[in-house]
Amino acid sequence: MVYQKEIILPSYSRGFHLITDKIISALTLPADTGVLNIFIKHTSAGLTVNENADYTVREDFEKVFNKMVPENMPYYAHVLEGSDDLPAHVKASLTGNSLNIPVTDGRLNMGTWQGIYLCEFRNNGGRRKLVLTFYY
C-alpha cells in the first residue's frame, strides 16, 4: 500500500535547515511500519540526514560546500540565473534529491542525533515542494 502527500515548505535562506519536525507534522501515517521516501522537486536544493543537535554542524556544512563548489568561476557557462545558480545545481547533485527513512512503531526510525536537512543552495530559493511517499 502507498500513502502520498505533497507539502510546500516556506522560503528558507541559503544554508542547511532542519525540517524533521515539519515532515513529521505533515504526516498522518496509515500504518506503524514501512518506509518513508522524501523527494524534493527542485534542482538547486537537496536533502540529507545529519546532526540535529549542534547548529554549528549546519554552519560548517555551508562553509565546506562553498569551498568545494565556489561561485563565479570563469569556466562556468550556466550563469544567466545568477552566480549562485550553477553551484546550487552541483551541490544539489552532491546531496541528492530524495531520502528513504524507515518507520517503526509509527515513528521515523532515525538515530538520536539525526535530523532531516533541507539544503538550500540558492541565495533566494523560494518555497520548496516535497513529495512524501509512505510505503507500507
N, C-alpha and C. Protein backbone atom coordinates (compact mmCIF):
# COMPACT_ATOMS: atom_id res chain seq x y z
N MET A 1 0.85 -1.17 0.00
CA MET A 1 0.00 0.00 0.00
C MET A 1 0.90 1.24 0.00
N VAL A 2 0.32 2.33 -0.48
CA VAL A 2 1.07 3.57 -0.59
C VAL A 2 0.21 4.75 -0.13
N TYR A 3 0.81 5.63 0.65
CA TYR A 3 0.20 6.90 1.06
C TYR A 3 1.12 7.99 0.56
N GLN A 4 0.56 9.03 -0.09
CA GLN A 4 1.40 10.09 -0.63
C GLN A 4 0.79 11.45 -0.36
N LYS A 5 1.69 12.41 -0.09
CA LYS A 5 1.26 13.77 0.20
C LYS A 5 2.35 14.72 -0.28
N GLU A 6 1.94 15.84 -0.86
CA GLU A 6 2.89 16.88 -1.24
C GLU A 6 2.76 18.04 -0.26
N ILE A 7 3.91 18.53 0.19
CA ILE A 7 3.90 19.68 1.09
C ILE A 7 4.78 20.79 0.50
N ILE A 8 4.50 22.00 0.91
CA ILE A 8 5.29 23.15 0.47
C ILE A 8 5.94 23.77 1.71
N LEU A 9 7.26 23.83 1.67
CA LEU A 9 8.00 24.44 2.76
C LEU A 9 8.07 25.95 2.54
N PRO A 10 8.18 26.71 3.62
CA PRO A 10 8.36 28.15 3.45
C PRO A 10 9.72 28.44 2.83
N SER A 11 9.91 29.64 2.38
CA SER A 11 11.20 30.05 1.83
C SER A 11 12.24 30.09 2.93
N TYR A 12 13.39 29.49 2.68
CA TYR A 12 14.49 29.49 3.63
C TYR A 12 15.66 30.27 3.05
N SER A 13 16.47 30.83 3.92
CA SER A 13 17.71 31.46 3.48
C SER A 13 18.69 30.37 3.05
N ARG A 14 19.71 30.77 2.36
CA ARG A 14 20.73 29.82 1.92
C ARG A 14 21.35 29.13 3.14
N GLY A 15 21.53 27.82 3.03
CA GLY A 15 22.14 27.07 4.12
C GLY A 15 21.43 25.74 4.34
N PHE A 16 21.76 25.13 5.45
CA PHE A 16 21.25 23.81 5.81
C PHE A 16 20.27 23.99 6.96
N HIS A 17 19.03 23.51 6.78
CA HIS A 17 17.95 23.77 7.72
C HIS A 17 17.30 22.46 8.16
N LEU A 18 17.13 22.29 9.47
CA LEU A 18 16.43 21.12 9.99
C LEU A 18 14.94 21.22 9.68
N ILE A 19 14.41 20.19 9.02
CA ILE A 19 12.99 20.18 8.68
C ILE A 19 12.29 18.93 9.19
N THR A 20 12.93 18.19 10.07
CA THR A 20 12.36 16.94 10.59
C THR A 20 10.97 17.17 11.16
N ASP A 21 10.82 18.18 12.00
CA ASP A 21 9.52 18.43 12.64
C ASP A 21 8.44 18.79 11.62
N LYS A 22 8.82 19.51 10.56
CA LYS A 22 7.85 19.86 9.51
C LYS A 22 7.37 18.60 8.78
N ILE A 23 8.29 17.66 8.55
CA ILE A 23 7.93 16.39 7.90
C ILE A 23 6.98 15.61 8.81
N ILE A 24 7.36 15.47 10.06
CA ILE A 24 6.54 14.69 11.00
C ILE A 24 5.15 15.30 11.15
N SER A 25 5.06 16.61 11.27
CA SER A 25 3.76 17.24 11.48
C SER A 25 2.88 17.16 10.24
N ALA A 26 3.48 16.99 9.07
CA ALA A 26 2.69 16.91 7.83
C ALA A 26 2.13 15.51 7.59
N LEU A 27 2.63 14.52 8.32
CA LEU A 27 2.26 13.12 8.05
C LEU A 27 1.16 12.62 8.96
N THR A 28 0.28 11.84 8.37
CA THR A 28 -0.65 11.01 9.11
C THR A 28 -0.43 9.60 8.56
N LEU A 29 0.39 8.85 9.25
CA LEU A 29 0.77 7.53 8.73
C LEU A 29 -0.36 6.53 8.89
N PRO A 30 -0.68 5.81 7.82
CA PRO A 30 -1.77 4.82 7.88
C PRO A 30 -1.35 3.47 8.47
N ALA A 31 -0.06 3.32 8.78
CA ALA A 31 0.43 2.05 9.34
C ALA A 31 1.64 2.36 10.23
N ASP A 32 1.98 1.40 11.10
CA ASP A 32 3.07 1.60 12.05
C ASP A 32 4.45 1.26 11.49
N THR A 33 4.48 0.51 10.38
CA THR A 33 5.76 0.04 9.85
C THR A 33 5.80 0.27 8.34
N GLY A 34 6.94 0.75 7.88
CA GLY A 34 7.11 0.97 6.44
C GLY A 34 8.34 1.79 6.16
N VAL A 35 8.36 2.41 4.99
CA VAL A 35 9.47 3.26 4.57
C VAL A 35 8.89 4.57 4.05
N LEU A 36 9.46 5.68 4.52
CA LEU A 36 9.07 6.99 4.04
C LEU A 36 10.10 7.48 3.05
N ASN A 37 9.65 7.79 1.85
CA ASN A 37 10.50 8.42 0.85
C ASN A 37 10.16 9.90 0.82
N ILE A 38 11.20 10.73 0.87
CA ILE A 38 11.03 12.19 0.79
C ILE A 38 11.77 12.64 -0.46
N PHE A 39 11.05 13.30 -1.37
CA PHE A 39 11.61 13.74 -2.65
C PHE A 39 11.42 15.24 -2.79
N ILE A 40 12.48 15.96 -3.13
CA ILE A 40 12.38 17.40 -3.34
C ILE A 40 12.28 17.66 -4.85
N LYS A 41 11.31 18.49 -5.23
CA LYS A 41 11.01 18.74 -6.64
C LYS A 41 11.76 19.97 -7.18
N HIS A 42 13.05 20.01 -6.90
CA HIS A 42 13.85 21.16 -7.31
C HIS A 42 15.26 20.70 -7.65
N THR A 43 15.96 21.46 -8.50
CA THR A 43 17.30 21.09 -8.93
C THR A 43 18.39 21.94 -8.30
N SER A 44 18.02 22.88 -7.43
CA SER A 44 19.03 23.73 -6.79
C SER A 44 18.92 23.68 -5.26
N ALA A 45 18.28 22.63 -4.76
CA ALA A 45 18.20 22.36 -3.32
C ALA A 45 18.24 20.85 -3.15
N GLY A 46 18.66 20.39 -2.00
CA GLY A 46 18.78 18.96 -1.78
C GLY A 46 18.29 18.57 -0.40
N LEU A 47 18.44 17.28 -0.11
CA LEU A 47 18.05 16.71 1.17
C LEU A 47 19.19 15.83 1.69
N THR A 48 19.35 15.81 2.99
CA THR A 48 20.29 14.89 3.60
C THR A 48 19.89 14.67 5.05
N VAL A 49 20.48 13.66 5.66
CA VAL A 49 20.29 13.37 7.08
C VAL A 49 21.63 13.57 7.76
N ASN A 50 21.61 14.33 8.87
CA ASN A 50 22.84 14.54 9.61
C ASN A 50 22.53 15.06 11.00
N GLU A 51 23.53 15.55 11.69
CA GLU A 51 23.49 16.03 13.08
C GLU A 51 22.32 16.99 13.32
N ASN A 52 21.53 16.71 14.37
CA ASN A 52 20.39 17.58 14.65
C ASN A 52 20.53 18.40 15.93
N ALA A 53 21.63 18.24 16.66
CA ALA A 53 21.74 18.90 17.96
C ALA A 53 22.56 20.19 17.91
N ASP A 54 23.69 20.17 17.24
CA ASP A 54 24.60 21.31 17.26
C ASP A 54 24.48 22.08 15.95
N TYR A 55 23.98 23.30 16.01
CA TYR A 55 23.77 24.11 14.80
C TYR A 55 25.07 24.42 14.06
N THR A 56 26.21 24.34 14.75
CA THR A 56 27.47 24.66 14.07
C THR A 56 27.80 23.65 12.98
N VAL A 57 27.24 22.44 13.08
CA VAL A 57 27.43 21.46 12.00
C VAL A 57 26.84 22.02 10.71
N ARG A 58 25.64 22.56 10.79
CA ARG A 58 24.99 23.13 9.60
C ARG A 58 25.76 24.34 9.07
N GLU A 59 26.28 25.15 9.97
CA GLU A 59 27.11 26.29 9.54
C GLU A 59 28.37 25.82 8.84
N ASP A 60 29.01 24.79 9.40
CA ASP A 60 30.24 24.26 8.79
C ASP A 60 29.95 23.59 7.45
N PHE A 61 28.80 22.90 7.33
CA PHE A 61 28.41 22.33 6.04
C PHE A 61 28.38 23.41 4.97
N GLU A 62 27.77 24.55 5.29
CA GLU A 62 27.69 25.64 4.32
C GLU A 62 29.09 26.08 3.89
N LYS A 63 29.99 26.21 4.83
CA LYS A 63 31.37 26.62 4.51
C LYS A 63 32.07 25.59 3.63
N VAL A 64 31.92 24.31 3.98
CA VAL A 64 32.58 23.25 3.22
C VAL A 64 32.03 23.17 1.80
N PHE A 65 30.72 23.21 1.66
CA PHE A 65 30.12 23.14 0.32
C PHE A 65 30.53 24.34 -0.53
N ASN A 66 30.61 25.52 0.07
CA ASN A 66 31.03 26.71 -0.69
C ASN A 66 32.49 26.63 -1.10
N LYS A 67 33.29 25.98 -0.29
CA LYS A 67 34.71 25.79 -0.64
C LYS A 67 34.84 24.74 -1.77
N MET A 68 34.05 23.67 -1.68
CA MET A 68 34.11 22.62 -2.70
C MET A 68 33.58 23.09 -4.05
N VAL A 69 32.50 23.90 -4.02
CA VAL A 69 31.85 24.35 -5.25
C VAL A 69 31.69 25.87 -5.17
N PRO A 70 32.74 26.61 -5.50
CA PRO A 70 32.68 28.07 -5.36
C PRO A 70 31.85 28.73 -6.46
N GLU A 71 31.44 29.95 -6.19
CA GLU A 71 30.73 30.75 -7.19
C GLU A 71 31.73 31.52 -8.05
N ASN A 72 31.22 32.07 -9.16
CA ASN A 72 31.98 32.99 -10.01
C ASN A 72 33.24 32.39 -10.62
N MET A 73 33.20 31.13 -10.96
CA MET A 73 34.36 30.53 -11.61
C MET A 73 34.32 30.88 -13.09
N PRO A 74 35.44 31.25 -13.68
CA PRO A 74 35.45 31.72 -15.06
C PRO A 74 35.07 30.65 -16.09
N TYR A 75 35.14 29.40 -15.72
CA TYR A 75 34.81 28.32 -16.65
C TYR A 75 33.33 27.91 -16.60
N TYR A 76 32.51 28.53 -15.75
CA TYR A 76 31.08 28.24 -15.72
C TYR A 76 30.40 28.87 -16.93
N ALA A 77 29.59 28.09 -17.65
CA ALA A 77 28.82 28.59 -18.78
C ALA A 77 27.39 28.96 -18.37
N HIS A 78 26.84 28.23 -17.41
CA HIS A 78 25.45 28.44 -16.96
C HIS A 78 25.44 29.55 -15.90
N VAL A 79 25.33 30.80 -16.37
CA VAL A 79 25.44 31.94 -15.45
C VAL A 79 24.26 32.91 -15.56
N LEU A 80 23.30 32.66 -16.43
CA LEU A 80 22.22 33.62 -16.67
C LEU A 80 21.33 33.84 -15.46
N GLU A 81 21.20 32.85 -14.58
CA GLU A 81 20.30 32.98 -13.43
C GLU A 81 21.02 33.42 -12.16
N GLY A 82 22.26 33.84 -12.28
CA GLY A 82 22.99 34.34 -11.12
C GLY A 82 24.20 33.49 -10.79
N SER A 83 25.11 34.08 -10.05
CA SER A 83 26.37 33.40 -9.73
C SER A 83 26.18 32.22 -8.79
N ASP A 84 25.04 32.16 -8.10
CA ASP A 84 24.79 31.04 -7.18
C ASP A 84 24.07 29.87 -7.85
N ASP A 85 23.62 30.04 -9.10
CA ASP A 85 22.75 29.03 -9.71
C ASP A 85 23.48 27.74 -10.08
N LEU A 86 24.52 27.82 -10.89
CA LEU A 86 25.22 26.58 -11.27
C LEU A 86 25.80 25.88 -10.04
N PRO A 87 26.48 26.61 -9.14
CA PRO A 87 26.95 25.92 -7.94
C PRO A 87 25.81 25.24 -7.17
N ALA A 88 24.62 25.85 -7.16
CA ALA A 88 23.48 25.23 -6.48
C ALA A 88 23.10 23.91 -7.13
N HIS A 89 23.13 23.84 -8.46
CA HIS A 89 22.82 22.58 -9.15
C HIS A 89 23.84 21.50 -8.80
N VAL A 90 25.11 21.87 -8.79
CA VAL A 90 26.16 20.90 -8.47
C VAL A 90 26.02 20.41 -7.02
N LYS A 91 25.80 21.34 -6.09
CA LYS A 91 25.65 20.98 -4.68
C LYS A 91 24.43 20.08 -4.48
N ALA A 92 23.34 20.37 -5.19
CA ALA A 92 22.14 19.54 -5.09
C ALA A 92 22.41 18.13 -5.59
N SER A 93 23.25 18.01 -6.61
CA SER A 93 23.61 16.67 -7.09
C SER A 93 24.46 15.93 -6.07
N LEU A 94 25.27 16.66 -5.32
CA LEU A 94 26.10 16.02 -4.29
C LEU A 94 25.26 15.52 -3.12
N THR A 95 24.25 16.28 -2.71
CA THR A 95 23.42 15.84 -1.59
C THR A 95 22.34 14.87 -2.02
N GLY A 96 21.81 15.06 -3.20
CA GLY A 96 20.73 14.20 -3.68
C GLY A 96 19.38 14.83 -3.50
N ASN A 97 18.37 14.23 -4.16
CA ASN A 97 17.02 14.80 -4.14
C ASN A 97 16.01 13.94 -3.39
N SER A 98 16.45 12.84 -2.79
CA SER A 98 15.49 12.03 -2.04
C SER A 98 16.17 11.29 -0.90
N LEU A 99 15.33 10.92 0.07
CA LEU A 99 15.76 10.14 1.22
C LEU A 99 14.78 9.01 1.45
N ASN A 100 15.26 7.89 1.96
CA ASN A 100 14.41 6.80 2.43
C ASN A 100 14.67 6.62 3.91
N ILE A 101 13.61 6.71 4.71
CA ILE A 101 13.75 6.60 6.16
C ILE A 101 12.78 5.53 6.65
N PRO A 102 13.28 4.56 7.42
CA PRO A 102 12.39 3.54 7.94
C PRO A 102 11.42 4.11 8.99
N VAL A 103 10.24 3.54 9.02
CA VAL A 103 9.23 3.88 10.03
C VAL A 103 8.98 2.63 10.86
N THR A 104 9.11 2.77 12.17
CA THR A 104 8.90 1.67 13.11
C THR A 104 8.03 2.17 14.25
N ASP A 105 7.03 1.42 14.59
CA ASP A 105 6.11 1.81 15.67
C ASP A 105 5.52 3.20 15.43
N GLY A 106 5.27 3.54 14.16
CA GLY A 106 4.63 4.79 13.81
C GLY A 106 5.52 6.02 13.88
N ARG A 107 6.84 5.81 14.03
CA ARG A 107 7.77 6.93 14.14
C ARG A 107 8.93 6.75 13.16
N LEU A 108 9.51 7.88 12.74
CA LEU A 108 10.71 7.80 11.91
C LEU A 108 11.80 7.12 12.74
N ASN A 109 12.38 6.07 12.20
CA ASN A 109 13.37 5.29 12.93
C ASN A 109 14.77 5.81 12.60
N MET A 110 15.07 6.97 13.21
CA MET A 110 16.35 7.63 12.99
C MET A 110 17.15 7.60 14.29
N GLY A 111 18.45 7.81 14.16
CA GLY A 111 19.32 7.86 15.33
C GLY A 111 19.01 9.07 16.19
N THR A 112 19.45 9.00 17.43
CA THR A 112 19.18 10.06 18.40
C THR A 112 19.60 11.43 17.90
N TRP A 113 20.73 11.52 17.23
CA TRP A 113 21.27 12.80 16.81
C TRP A 113 21.07 13.08 15.33
N GLN A 114 20.16 12.35 14.70
CA GLN A 114 19.91 12.54 13.27
C GLN A 114 18.69 13.42 13.02
N GLY A 115 18.82 14.28 12.02
CA GLY A 115 17.71 15.11 11.60
C GLY A 115 17.71 15.23 10.08
N ILE A 116 16.58 15.59 9.52
CA ILE A 116 16.43 15.78 8.08
C ILE A 116 16.75 17.23 7.76
N TYR A 117 17.66 17.44 6.82
CA TYR A 117 18.04 18.79 6.40
C TYR A 117 17.44 19.11 5.04
N LEU A 118 16.91 20.31 4.92
CA LEU A 118 16.72 20.94 3.62
C LEU A 118 18.02 21.68 3.34
N CYS A 119 18.64 21.38 2.24
CA CYS A 119 19.89 22.02 1.84
C CYS A 119 19.54 23.06 0.79
N GLU A 120 19.44 24.31 1.20
CA GLU A 120 19.08 25.40 0.29
C GLU A 120 20.36 26.02 -0.25
N PHE A 121 20.56 25.87 -1.55
CA PHE A 121 21.81 26.31 -2.16
C PHE A 121 21.68 27.62 -2.93
N ARG A 122 20.48 28.15 -3.06
CA ARG A 122 20.29 29.45 -3.73
C ARG A 122 20.21 30.55 -2.67
N ASN A 123 20.62 31.75 -3.07
CA ASN A 123 20.50 32.89 -2.16
C ASN A 123 19.04 33.20 -1.89
N ASN A 124 18.19 33.05 -2.90
CA ASN A 124 16.75 33.27 -2.78
C ASN A 124 16.02 32.13 -3.49
N GLY A 125 16.00 30.98 -2.86
CA GLY A 125 15.45 29.79 -3.49
C GLY A 125 13.94 29.75 -3.57
N GLY A 126 13.28 30.44 -2.67
CA GLY A 126 11.82 30.40 -2.67
C GLY A 126 11.27 29.19 -1.95
N ARG A 127 9.97 29.03 -2.06
CA ARG A 127 9.31 27.90 -1.41
C ARG A 127 9.69 26.60 -2.12
N ARG A 128 9.87 25.55 -1.35
CA ARG A 128 10.29 24.26 -1.90
C ARG A 128 9.21 23.22 -1.69
N LYS A 129 8.97 22.41 -2.73
CA LYS A 129 7.95 21.37 -2.68
C LYS A 129 8.60 20.02 -2.40
N LEU A 130 7.99 19.29 -1.48
CA LEU A 130 8.43 17.93 -1.15
C LEU A 130 7.28 16.96 -1.39
N VAL A 131 7.61 15.80 -1.93
CA VAL A 131 6.64 14.71 -2.06
C VAL A 131 7.01 13.67 -1.01
N LEU A 132 6.06 13.39 -0.10
CA LEU A 132 6.24 12.39 0.94
C LEU A 132 5.47 11.15 0.55
N THR A 133 6.17 10.05 0.37
CA THR A 133 5.53 8.78 -0.03
C THR A 133 5.85 7.73 1.01
N PHE A 134 4.81 7.19 1.63
CA PHE A 134 4.96 6.17 2.65
C PHE A 134 4.54 4.83 2.08
N TYR A 135 5.47 3.87 2.07
CA TYR A 135 5.21 2.53 1.59
C TYR A 135 5.05 1.60 2.80
N TYR A 136 3.92 0.89 2.82
CA TYR A 136 3.65 0.00 3.95
C TYR A 136 2.96 -1.27 3.51
